[in-house]
Amino acid sequence: MKKKIEITYARAFFCITIVAIHSFPGLLNDADTPDASLPFYEFLRVLLLFATPSFIILSEILLSMRYSNGLPDDFFLKRIKFILMPYILIGTFFSLMNYLDSDGSQGFFEIFTNNVLYGNWHGWFIIVIFQFYILHALFYKCLNKANPLIMLVISFLISLTHSLLAYAYEPYFQWWDTYYPFHNRTALPFWIFYFIFGYYLGKNYERIMSSVKRHLWPLCGLWALSVLWIFIMYHFFDVTYVKSYRFDLLLYKVFTFLLVLYLMQVIGKHKFTLLLLISDVSFFIYLSHPLVNSYLSKALASFVGVPSIFLILLTLFTLGFSLGMAFVLSHFPLSRFVIGKNSLHKMLDKHFSHDAG
């Protein structure tokens, strides 16, 4: 399969956006942040929630592009080695930090179980991605035979109904919270629409992206309407919770995803070395950046008087430290099981050697 530069750039863009989202608490919780700016940045944080679902959708798009007719025999073994292992190792370190910072009321194993096994930490998206892997392996033949439009409509209704009930009907939410073995935000009924969308987009990628180009302005109009819908829910119906599984974000995330892909196609005519590097190590950045973000937030607290400057600086410094950690770890044996299967030395050589010449 020919590598799509826009997917590479989009992965980097979503990664940067995820880091930016996690920079907002340092701003919004600081007493020195100007009160007049809080409503704008609180709503902006909601709009940026497309990032994690987009990262998850990308995984299924790539899967569908390569393996729409079945997975190779070593597929799950490779994912366990280079995705699940970093998840467990970084999750263990994150749990240890939580334990050392706690008052001792919870033991380390209890914290580890809650974070890593249950999915109550920022790495929860890996649980969703592995569910996508299993769904793909089980149902690719059915999806190849089914009508894509019908599957999209059915899955959208399932995801919308689930997210609405989880928000508005407490017994439904409590049922999932009690009986579902993982954190309720990883529940498959919400994510099934994104799985179906990612599968058919990957399988029909060229045709769909050509359609996006031809119908760009109508798509922008739909995107604007979806933002208006979120604004109405947020300001007039007090739907203010900041979670990726908000019921009013379903279509907004799809429209945003398509527009970002198109934008990355446009700028893909040029080489942006930093985006290539961030994309290659994005998985590690996603898992590791909260380890430094909170400390950097305190160090940059003097900038909260100018919120945009604070967010930009915190995002850039967090990215820089995460890349630095990846570089340091790459010098140790078996670092692939922490930073992912890509060798950082090879990445740096690949992306920077030609520039140096």
Protein backbone atom coordinates (compact mmCIF):
# COMPACT_ATOMS: atom_id res chain seq x y z
CA MET A 1 0.00 0.00 0.00
CA LYS A 2 1.36 3.40 -0.99
CA LYS A 3 1.85 5.61 2.06
CA LYS A 4 -0.60 8.51 2.27
CA ILE A 5 1.28 11.60 3.42
CA GLU A 6 -1.96 13.25 4.54
CA ILE A 7 -2.60 10.41 6.98
CA THR A 8 0.91 10.83 8.38
CA TYR A 9 0.40 14.57 8.79
CA ALA A 10 -3.10 14.07 10.21
CA ARG A 11 -1.75 11.68 12.85
CA ALA A 12 0.73 14.37 13.92
CA PHE A 13 -2.00 17.03 13.93
CA PHE A 14 -4.28 14.90 16.11
CA CYS A 15 -1.38 14.15 18.45
CA ILE A 16 -0.60 17.87 18.85
CA THR A 17 -4.29 18.57 19.47
CA ILE A 18 -4.44 15.89 22.16
CA VAL A 19 -1.48 17.49 23.94
CA ALA A 20 -3.22 20.87 23.63
CA ILE A 21 -6.42 19.48 25.19
CA HIS A 22 -4.49 18.29 28.22
CA SER A 23 -2.96 21.76 28.56
CA PHE A 24 -6.34 23.36 29.27
CA PRO A 25 -6.73 22.28 32.94
CA GLY A 26 -3.59 24.21 33.85
CA LEU A 27 -5.22 27.32 32.40
CA LEU A 28 -8.82 26.85 33.52
CA ASN A 29 -7.93 25.85 37.09
CA ASP A 30 -5.50 28.71 37.70
CA ALA A 31 -6.88 31.52 39.87
CA ASP A 32 -4.94 34.11 37.84
CA THR A 33 -6.61 33.23 34.53
CA PRO A 34 -8.76 36.20 33.40
CA ASP A 35 -12.41 35.43 34.17
CA ALA A 36 -13.59 36.99 30.91
CA SER A 37 -11.65 34.43 28.87
CA LEU A 38 -12.86 31.31 30.70
CA PRO A 39 -16.13 30.70 28.76
CA PHE A 40 -14.34 30.87 25.41
CA TYR A 41 -11.57 28.46 26.39
CA GLU A 42 -13.97 26.07 28.11
CA PHE A 43 -16.00 25.80 24.91
CA LEU A 44 -12.86 25.58 22.76
CA ARG A 45 -11.74 22.59 24.82
CA VAL A 46 -15.01 20.83 23.96
CA LEU A 47 -14.47 21.50 20.24
CA LEU A 48 -10.99 19.98 20.42
CA LEU A 49 -12.41 16.68 21.67
CA PHE A 50 -12.38 15.36 18.11
CA ALA A 51 -8.69 14.48 18.55
CA THR A 52 -8.79 11.17 20.44
CA PRO A 53 -11.63 9.65 18.37
CA SER A 54 -9.79 10.77 15.23
CA PHE A 55 -6.65 8.99 16.42
CA ILE A 56 -8.76 5.86 16.94
CA ILE A 57 -10.49 6.19 13.56
CA LEU A 58 -7.08 6.42 11.86
CA SER A 59 -6.16 3.01 13.24
CA GLU A 60 -9.19 1.43 11.55
CA ILE A 61 -8.65 3.31 8.28
CA LEU A 62 -5.13 1.94 8.00
CA LEU A 63 -6.39 -1.52 8.92
CA SER A 64 -9.09 -1.41 6.25
CA MET A 65 -6.68 -0.12 3.62
CA ARG A 66 -4.28 -2.99 4.20
CA TYR A 67 -6.40 -5.85 5.46
CA SER A 68 -9.96 -5.54 4.16
CA ASN A 69 -9.73 -9.20 3.09
CA GLY A 70 -8.34 -10.62 6.32
CA LEU A 71 -5.58 -10.11 8.89
CA PRO A 72 -2.13 -11.73 8.61
CA ASP A 73 -1.29 -14.53 11.03
CA ASP A 74 1.14 -12.44 13.10
CA PHE A 75 -1.15 -9.40 13.33
CA PHE A 76 -2.18 -9.69 16.97
CA LEU A 77 1.29 -10.76 18.12
CA LYS A 78 2.81 -7.58 16.65
CA ARG A 79 0.10 -5.40 18.22
CA ILE A 80 0.65 -7.01 21.60
CA LYS A 81 4.41 -6.38 21.37
CA PHE A 82 4.37 -2.83 20.06
CA ILE A 83 1.06 -1.39 21.28
CA LEU A 84 -0.10 -3.36 24.31
CA MET A 85 3.38 -3.61 25.85
CA PRO A 86 4.00 0.18 25.80
CA TYR A 87 0.49 0.62 27.18
CA ILE A 88 1.26 -1.68 30.11
CA LEU A 89 4.79 -0.39 30.77
CA ILE A 90 3.95 3.32 30.62
CA GLY A 91 0.72 2.62 32.50
CA THR A 92 2.73 0.90 35.23
CA PHE A 93 5.03 3.91 35.54
CA PHE A 94 2.05 6.27 35.57
CA SER A 95 0.40 4.16 38.30
CA LEU A 96 3.62 4.21 40.32
CA MET A 97 3.69 8.00 40.15
CA ASN A 98 0.05 8.09 41.29
CA TYR A 99 0.90 5.77 44.17
CA LEU A 100 3.91 7.83 45.30
CA ASP A 101 1.85 11.04 45.15
CA SER A 102 -1.09 9.51 47.05
CA ASP A 103 -1.82 9.48 50.78
CA GLY A 104 -1.34 5.72 50.94
CA SER A 105 -5.04 4.89 51.18
CA GLN A 106 -4.73 2.84 47.98
CA GLY A 107 -2.10 0.23 47.29
CA PHE A 108 -0.06 0.22 44.09
CA PHE A 109 -1.81 -2.84 42.66
CA GLU A 110 -5.22 -1.25 43.27
CA ILE A 111 -4.14 1.90 41.43
CA PHE A 112 -2.58 -0.16 38.62
CA THR A 113 -5.76 -2.22 38.23
CA ASN A 114 -7.93 0.89 38.11
CA ASN A 115 -5.66 2.68 35.63
CA VAL A 116 -4.27 0.05 33.28
CA LEU A 117 -6.62 -2.93 33.48
CA TYR A 118 -9.84 -0.98 33.94
CA GLY A 119 -8.82 1.86 31.62
CA ASN A 120 -9.27 4.81 33.98
CA TRP A 121 -6.33 6.82 32.64
CA HIS A 122 -5.37 8.73 29.51
CA GLY A 123 -4.29 5.52 27.73
CA TRP A 124 -7.86 4.19 27.66
CA PHE A 125 -8.04 4.60 23.88
CA ILE A 126 -5.88 1.49 23.45
CA ILE A 127 -8.75 -0.62 24.84
CA VAL A 128 -11.00 0.82 22.14
CA ILE A 129 -8.42 0.21 19.42
CA PHE A 130 -8.05 -3.45 20.43
CA GLN A 131 -11.82 -3.82 20.30
CA PHE A 132 -11.61 -2.46 16.75
CA TYR A 133 -8.97 -5.07 15.91
CA ILE A 134 -11.24 -7.85 17.17
CA LEU A 135 -14.27 -6.48 15.33
CA HIS A 136 -12.25 -6.22 12.13
CA ALA A 137 -11.04 -9.81 12.42
CA LEU A 138 -14.55 -11.12 13.09
CA PHE A 139 -16.69 -9.08 10.70
CA TYR A 140 -14.62 -7.92 7.71
CA LYS A 141 -16.37 -10.44 5.43
CA CYS A 142 -19.80 -9.24 6.54
CA LEU A 143 -18.82 -5.59 6.13
CA ASN A 144 -17.48 -6.25 2.63
CA LYS A 145 -20.86 -7.68 1.62
CA ALA A 146 -23.08 -5.18 3.46
CA ASN A 147 -24.41 -1.88 2.14
CA PRO A 148 -22.10 0.82 3.61
CA LEU A 149 -24.85 3.43 3.89
CA ILE A 150 -27.14 1.08 5.82
CA MET A 151 -24.30 0.06 8.13
CA LEU A 152 -23.39 3.70 8.76
CA VAL A 153 -26.97 4.66 9.59
CA ILE A 154 -27.51 1.68 11.91
CA SER A 155 -24.20 2.19 13.71
CA PHE A 156 -24.83 5.94 14.05
CA LEU A 157 -28.22 5.29 15.65
CA ILE A 158 -26.64 2.77 18.04
CA SER A 159 -23.88 5.20 19.07
CA LEU A 160 -26.25 8.16 19.37
CA THR A 161 -28.79 6.21 21.43
CA HIS A 162 -26.10 4.85 23.73
CA SER A 163 -24.48 8.24 24.36
CA LEU A 164 -27.84 9.96 24.88
CA LEU A 165 -29.02 7.34 27.37
CA ALA A 166 -25.69 7.38 29.19
CA TYR A 167 -26.06 11.15 29.60
CA ALA A 168 -29.78 11.48 30.33
CA TYR A 169 -30.78 8.19 32.00
CA GLU A 170 -28.83 7.44 35.16
CA PRO A 171 -29.86 3.73 35.51
CA TYR A 172 -28.52 3.04 32.01
CA PHE A 173 -25.22 4.71 32.83
CA GLN A 174 -24.99 2.86 36.13
CA TRP A 175 -25.63 -0.48 34.42
CA TRP A 176 -22.63 0.03 32.15
CA ASP A 177 -20.56 1.36 35.02
CA THR A 178 -21.38 -1.73 37.10
CA TYR A 179 -21.30 -4.62 34.62
CA TYR A 180 -18.99 -3.52 31.82
CA PRO A 181 -15.48 -4.84 32.65
CA PHE A 182 -13.66 -1.69 31.52
CA HIS A 183 -14.20 2.03 31.99
CA ASN A 184 -17.57 3.05 30.56
CA ARG A 185 -16.00 5.49 28.07
CA THR A 186 -14.55 2.50 26.19
CA ALA A 187 -17.98 0.88 25.75
CA LEU A 188 -18.33 -0.42 22.20
CA PRO A 189 -21.88 0.87 21.51
CA PHE A 190 -20.52 4.41 21.47
CA TRP A 191 -17.52 3.62 19.28
CA ILE A 192 -19.24 1.32 16.78
CA PHE A 193 -20.13 4.25 14.48
CA TYR A 194 -16.49 5.32 14.28
CA PHE A 195 -15.43 1.75 13.57
CA ILE A 196 -17.87 1.45 10.66
CA PHE A 197 -16.94 4.91 9.38
CA GLY A 198 -13.21 4.13 9.55
CA TYR A 199 -13.66 0.75 7.88
CA TYR A 200 -15.53 2.05 4.85
CA LEU A 201 -13.39 5.19 4.55
CA GLY A 202 -10.25 3.06 4.44
CA LYS A 203 -11.76 0.62 1.96
CA ASN A 204 -12.99 3.40 -0.36
CA TYR A 205 -10.40 6.01 0.51
CA GLU A 206 -9.59 7.51 -2.89
CA ARG A 207 -13.23 7.75 -3.95
CA ILE A 208 -14.36 9.34 -0.70
CA MET A 209 -11.52 11.87 -0.58
CA SER A 210 -12.23 12.83 -4.20
CA SER A 211 -15.84 13.41 -3.15
CA VAL A 212 -14.67 15.56 -0.22
CA LYS A 213 -12.68 17.71 -2.64
CA ARG A 214 -15.66 18.10 -5.00
CA HIS A 215 -18.10 18.91 -2.20
CA LEU A 216 -15.78 20.86 0.09
CA TRP A 217 -18.05 23.85 0.70
CA PRO A 218 -21.17 21.79 1.52
CA LEU A 219 -19.00 19.79 3.92
CA CYS A 220 -17.79 23.04 5.52
CA GLY A 221 -21.44 24.06 5.86
CA LEU A 222 -22.30 20.79 7.60
CA TRP A 223 -19.29 21.26 9.86
CA ALA A 224 -20.47 24.78 10.80
CA LEU A 225 -23.97 23.46 11.55
CA SER A 226 -22.51 20.73 13.77
CA VAL A 227 -20.54 23.38 15.69
CA LEU A 228 -23.72 25.43 16.08
CA TRP A 229 -25.49 22.34 17.45
CA ILE A 230 -22.74 21.84 20.04
CA PHE A 231 -22.91 25.54 20.95
CA ILE A 232 -26.67 25.30 21.50
CA MET A 233 -26.30 22.18 23.64
CA TYR A 234 -23.48 23.76 25.63
CA HIS A 235 -24.89 27.23 26.27
CA PHE A 236 -28.65 26.70 26.31
CA PHE A 237 -29.04 23.14 27.60
CA ASP A 238 -26.04 23.11 29.95
CA VAL A 239 -24.39 20.08 28.31
CA THR A 240 -20.94 21.11 29.51
CA TYR A 241 -19.20 17.84 30.37
CA VAL A 242 -15.80 17.43 28.69
CA LYS A 243 -15.77 13.85 27.42
CA SER A 244 -15.03 12.36 24.00
CA TYR A 245 -18.30 10.43 24.14
CA ARG A 246 -20.58 13.49 24.25
CA PHE A 247 -23.71 12.69 22.22
CA ASP A 248 -23.57 16.00 20.31
CA LEU A 249 -20.08 15.39 18.94
CA LEU A 250 -20.73 12.33 16.78
CA LEU A 251 -21.19 13.99 13.39
CA TYR A 252 -18.97 16.95 14.25
CA LYS A 253 -16.01 14.59 14.72
CA VAL A 254 -16.61 12.92 11.35
CA PHE A 255 -16.86 16.25 9.51
CA THR A 256 -13.77 17.57 11.30
CA PHE A 257 -11.86 14.39 10.52
CA LEU A 258 -12.62 14.64 6.80
CA LEU A 259 -11.72 18.34 6.68
CA VAL A 260 -8.42 17.73 8.48
CA LEU A 261 -7.57 14.93 6.04
CA TYR A 262 -8.33 17.23 3.12
CA LEU A 263 -6.23 20.04 4.61
CA MET A 264 -3.35 17.61 5.12
CA GLN A 265 -3.67 16.54 1.48
CA VAL A 266 -3.28 20.17 0.46
CA ILE A 267 -0.19 20.81 2.59
CA GLY A 268 1.13 17.32 1.79
CA LYS A 269 2.76 18.79 -1.31
CA HIS A 270 5.43 20.11 1.03
CA LYS A 271 7.68 18.29 3.46
CA PHE A 272 7.27 19.23 7.13
CA THR A 273 9.97 17.27 8.89
CA LEU A 274 8.71 17.98 12.39
CA LEU A 275 5.24 16.66 11.52
CA LEU A 276 6.81 13.48 10.14
CA LEU A 277 8.78 12.98 13.34
CA ILE A 278 5.81 13.68 15.62
CA SER A 279 3.69 11.27 13.59
CA ASP A 280 6.26 8.49 13.87
CA VAL A 281 6.46 8.81 17.65
CA SER A 282 2.85 9.95 18.22
CA PHE A 283 1.86 6.82 20.11
CA PHE A 284 4.58 7.39 22.71
CA ILE A 285 3.75 11.11 22.93
CA TYR A 286 0.11 10.30 23.59
CA LEU A 287 0.94 7.90 26.42
CA SER A 288 3.81 9.86 27.97
CA HIS A 289 2.91 13.55 27.71
CA PRO A 290 0.73 13.77 30.86
CA LEU A 291 3.77 12.65 32.87
CA VAL A 292 5.37 16.06 32.26
CA ASN A 293 2.41 18.27 31.36
CA SER A 294 1.29 19.03 34.92
CA TYR A 295 4.83 19.97 36.02
CA LEU A 296 5.36 22.21 33.00
CA SER A 297 1.97 23.81 33.64
CA LYS A 298 3.16 24.96 37.06
CA ALA A 299 6.45 26.21 35.61
CA LEU A 300 4.62 28.29 32.99
CA ALA A 301 1.90 29.57 35.35
CA SER A 302 3.14 33.16 35.05
CA PHE A 303 1.81 33.21 31.46
CA VAL A 304 -1.85 32.45 32.31
CA GLY A 305 -2.63 36.15 32.13
CA VAL A 306 -2.40 35.71 28.36
CA PRO A 307 -4.25 32.39 27.90
CA SER A 308 -3.37 31.80 24.25
CA ILE A 309 0.35 32.25 24.95
CA PHE A 310 0.14 29.89 27.93
CA LEU A 311 -1.59 27.16 25.90
CA ILE A 312 0.83 27.46 22.98
CA LEU A 313 3.91 27.40 25.22
CA LEU A 314 2.64 24.51 27.34
CA THR A 315 1.76 22.48 24.24
CA LEU A 316 5.14 23.12 22.61
CA PHE A 317 7.16 22.42 25.75
CA THR A 318 5.18 19.24 26.46
CA LEU A 319 5.78 18.01 22.91
CA GLY A 320 9.46 18.87 23.21
CA PHE A 321 9.90 17.01 26.49
CA SER A 322 8.02 13.98 25.16
CA LEU A 323 10.23 13.87 22.07
CA GLY A 324 13.25 14.27 24.33
CA MET A 325 12.14 11.33 26.48
CA ALA A 326 11.70 9.22 23.35
CA PHE A 327 15.20 10.15 22.21
CA VAL A 328 16.77 9.26 25.57
CA LEU A 329 14.88 5.97 25.84
CA SER A 330 15.86 5.02 22.30
CA HIS A 331 19.45 4.54 23.53
CA PHE A 332 18.40 1.70 25.83
CA PRO A 333 17.93 -1.95 24.81
CA LEU A 334 14.37 -3.07 24.15
CA SER A 335 13.21 0.56 23.91
CA ARG A 336 10.81 -0.50 21.15
CA PHE A 337 8.57 -1.95 23.85
CA VAL A 338 8.23 1.52 25.39
CA ILE A 339 8.30 3.99 22.50
CA GLY A 340 6.75 1.67 19.90
CA LYS A 341 8.12 -0.28 16.98
CA ASN A 342 9.71 2.69 15.21
CA SER A 343 13.40 3.23 15.91
CA LEU A 344 13.97 6.88 16.78
CA HIS A 345 17.48 6.75 15.32
CA LYS A 346 16.07 5.55 12.00
CA MET A 347 13.35 8.20 12.16
CA LEU A 348 15.83 11.00 12.75
CA ASP A 349 18.08 9.74 9.99
CA LYS A 350 15.17 9.32 7.60
CA HIS A 351 13.64 12.74 8.23
CA PHE A 352 16.69 14.92 8.82
CA SER A 353 19.62 13.45 6.89
CA HIS A 354 18.41 14.70 3.51
CA ASP A 355 17.57 18.11 4.95
CA ALA A 356 21.12 18.43 6.24
CA GLY A 357 22.45 17.89 2.77
